[in-house]
Amino acid sequence: MKASNRERIELHMLTSLARSQRALCRIIETIADQVAFSEQLAVHMAENLKTISEYQRSMIQKITKQRPRSRRLGTPGKPWISKNVARGSSPTQD
């Protein structure tokens, strides 16, 4: 397969995934009020959204050829903040 064909196909797939994400957002907004009143519907929706999101994640990983990042268990470290930022000075102020 030519590189240009592959790029065109990948772009089409990425466009489709973006369209799918927008559709999911509309679905979630539409049923958000209904889910608040029905625990069963909320569980069902959560399962469906998880399945769709896993499918989308696997598609994007195949397209971009990136391996999924592994989760690390443990205690997170302290946030790093530059001393200049902590003091309120900026690199341009000297």
C-alpha atoms as a PDB file:
ATOM      1  CA  MET A   1       0.000   0.000   0.000  1.00  0.00           C
ATOM      2  CA  LYS A   2       1.346   3.406  -0.917  1.00  0.00           C
ATOM      3  CA  ALA A   3       2.178   5.816   1.875  1.00  0.00           C
ATOM      4  CA  SER A   4      -0.289   8.393   0.545  1.00  0.00           C
ATOM      5  CA  ASN A   5      -3.127   5.843   0.555  1.00  0.00           C
ATOM      6  CA  ARG A   6      -2.254   4.762   4.081  1.00  0.00           C
ATOM      7  CA  GLU A   7      -2.166   8.368   5.286  1.00  0.00           C
ATOM      8  CA  ARG A   8      -5.522   9.085   3.635  1.00  0.00           C
ATOM      9  CA  ILE A   9      -7.070   6.026   5.291  1.00  0.00           C
ATOM     10  CA  GLU A  10      -5.596   6.930   8.686  1.00  0.00           C
ATOM     11  CA  LEU A  11      -6.882  10.490   8.385  1.00  0.00           C
ATOM     12  CA  HIS A  12     -10.339   9.167   7.490  1.00  0.00           C
ATOM     13  CA  MET A  13     -10.283   6.859  10.533  1.00  0.00           C
ATOM     14  CA  LEU A  14      -9.200   9.683  12.837  1.00  0.00           C
ATOM     15  CA  THR A  15     -11.960  11.892  11.443  1.00  0.00           C
ATOM     16  CA  SER A  16     -14.446   9.091  12.078  1.00  0.00           C
ATOM     17  CA  LEU A  17     -13.235   8.692  15.647  1.00  0.00           C
ATOM     18  CA  ALA A  18     -13.602  12.428  16.255  1.00  0.00           C
ATOM     19  CA  ARG A  19     -17.135  12.323  14.845  1.00  0.00           C
ATOM     20  CA  SER A  20     -17.874   9.350  17.105  1.00  0.00           C
ATOM     21  CA  GLN A  21     -16.632  11.294  20.133  1.00  0.00           C
ATOM     22  CA  ARG A  22     -18.928  14.211  19.289  1.00  0.00           C
ATOM     23  CA  ALA A  23     -21.864  11.816  18.916  1.00  0.00           C
ATOM     24  CA  LEU A  24     -21.095  10.271  22.303  1.00  0.00           C
ATOM     25  CA  CYS A  25     -21.078  13.718  23.874  1.00  0.00           C
ATOM     26  CA  ARG A  26     -24.499  14.469  22.421  1.00  0.00           C
ATOM     27  CA  ILE A  27     -25.839  11.116  23.673  1.00  0.00           C
ATOM     28  CA  ILE A  28     -24.485  11.717  27.165  1.00  0.00           C
ATOM     29  CA  GLU A  29     -25.971  15.214  27.321  1.00  0.00           C
ATOM     30  CA  THR A  30     -29.329  13.958  26.065  1.00  0.00           C
ATOM     31  CA  ILE A  31     -29.728  11.188  28.623  1.00  0.00           C
ATOM     32  CA  ALA A  32     -27.936  12.792  31.574  1.00  0.00           C
ATOM     33  CA  ASP A  33     -31.192  13.889  33.206  1.00  0.00           C
ATOM     34  CA  GLN A  34     -32.793  10.463  32.772  1.00  0.00           C
ATOM     35  CA  VAL A  35     -29.797   8.666  34.260  1.00  0.00           C
ATOM     36  CA  ALA A  36     -30.100  10.763  37.410  1.00  0.00           C
ATOM     37  CA  PHE A  37     -33.443   9.108  38.161  1.00  0.00           C
ATOM     38  CA  SER A  38     -32.625   5.516  37.171  1.00  0.00           C
ATOM     39  CA  GLU A  39     -29.711   3.639  38.706  1.00  0.00           C
ATOM     40  CA  GLN A  40     -30.239   0.717  36.323  1.00  0.00           C
ATOM     41  CA  LEU A  41     -30.015   3.006  33.298  1.00  0.00           C
ATOM     42  CA  ALA A  42     -26.913   4.651  34.750  1.00  0.00           C
ATOM     43  CA  VAL A  43     -25.150   1.291  35.144  1.00  0.00           C
ATOM     44  CA  HIS A  44     -26.165   0.215  31.642  1.00  0.00           C
ATOM     45  CA  MET A  45     -24.954   3.496  30.134  1.00  0.00           C
ATOM     46  CA  ALA A  46     -21.657   3.318  32.014  1.00  0.00           C
ATOM     47  CA  GLU A  47     -21.023  -0.197  30.674  1.00  0.00           C
ATOM     48  CA  ASN A  48     -21.859   0.831  27.115  1.00  0.00           C
ATOM     49  CA  LEU A  49     -19.695   3.945  27.268  1.00  0.00           C
ATOM     50  CA  LYS A  50     -16.796   1.920  28.672  1.00  0.00           C
ATOM     51  CA  THR A  51     -17.086  -0.578  25.804  1.00  0.00           C
ATOM     52  CA  ILE A  52     -17.210   2.162  23.164  1.00  0.00           C
ATOM     53  CA  SER A  53     -14.301   3.999  24.733  1.00  0.00           C
ATOM     54  CA  GLU A  54     -12.172   0.829  24.853  1.00  0.00           C
ATOM     55  CA  TYR A  55     -12.938   0.229  21.180  1.00  0.00           C
ATOM     56  CA  GLN A  56     -11.968   3.792  20.283  1.00  0.00           C
ATOM     57  CA  ARG A  57      -8.775   3.521  22.327  1.00  0.00           C
ATOM     58  CA  SER A  58      -7.745   0.319  20.559  1.00  0.00           C
ATOM     59  CA  MET A  59      -8.466   1.882  17.159  1.00  0.00           C
ATOM     60  CA  ILE A  60      -6.376   4.967  17.873  1.00  0.00           C
ATOM     61  CA  GLN A  61      -3.526   2.805  19.173  1.00  0.00           C
ATOM     62  CA  LYS A  62      -3.558   0.775  15.974  1.00  0.00           C
ATOM     63  CA  ILE A  63      -3.614   3.895  13.817  1.00  0.00           C
ATOM     64  CA  THR A  64      -0.860   5.714  15.692  1.00  0.00           C
ATOM     65  CA  LYS A  65       1.119   2.540  16.432  1.00  0.00           C
ATOM     66  CA  GLN A  66       1.517   3.564  20.052  1.00  0.00           C
ATOM     67  CA  ARG A  67       1.468   1.067  22.864  1.00  0.00           C
ATOM     68  CA  PRO A  68      -0.842   1.779  25.780  1.00  0.00           C
ATOM     69  CA  ARG A  69       0.822   3.223  28.838  1.00  0.00           C
ATOM     70  CA  SER A  70       0.803   0.863  31.777  1.00  0.00           C
ATOM     71  CA  ARG A  71      -0.747   1.970  35.015  1.00  0.00           C
ATOM     72  CA  ARG A  72       1.538   2.288  37.971  1.00  0.00           C
ATOM     73  CA  LEU A  73       0.299   1.617  41.440  1.00  0.00           C
ATOM     74  CA  GLY A  74       1.675   3.487  44.401  1.00  0.00           C
ATOM     75  CA  THR A  75       1.748   6.840  46.075  1.00  0.00           C
ATOM     76  CA  PRO A  76       2.054   9.794  43.717  1.00  0.00           C
ATOM     77  CA  GLY A  77       4.973  12.156  44.227  1.00  0.00           C
ATOM     78  CA  LYS A  78       4.747  15.803  45.199  1.00  0.00           C
ATOM     79  CA  PRO A  79       3.937  18.247  42.411  1.00  0.00           C
ATOM     80  CA  TRP A  80       7.034  19.950  41.058  1.00  0.00           C
ATOM     81  CA  ILE A  81       6.902  23.720  40.984  1.00  0.00           C
ATOM     82  CA  SER A  82       9.760  25.887  39.818  1.00  0.00           C
ATOM     83  CA  LYS A  83      11.175  28.148  42.521  1.00  0.00           C
ATOM     84  CA  ASN A  84      10.714  31.125  40.185  1.00  0.00           C
ATOM     85  CA  VAL A  85       7.031  30.336  39.806  1.00  0.00           C
ATOM     86  CA  ALA A  86       6.590  29.770  43.531  1.00  0.00           C
ATOM     87  CA  ARG A  87       8.068  33.225  44.269  1.00  0.00           C
ATOM     88  CA  GLY A  88       5.862  34.878  41.711  1.00  0.00           C
ATOM     89  CA  SER A  89       8.656  35.998  39.412  1.00  0.00           C
ATOM     90  CA  SER A  90       8.772  35.228  35.736  1.00  0.00           C
ATOM     91  CA  PRO A  91      11.796  34.472  33.555  1.00  0.00           C
ATOM     92  CA  THR A  92      11.326  37.813  31.752  1.00  0.00           C
ATOM     93  CA  GLN A  93      11.424  39.857  34.983  1.00  0.00           C
ATOM     94  CA  ASP A  94      15.026  40.286  36.082  1.00  0.00           C
END
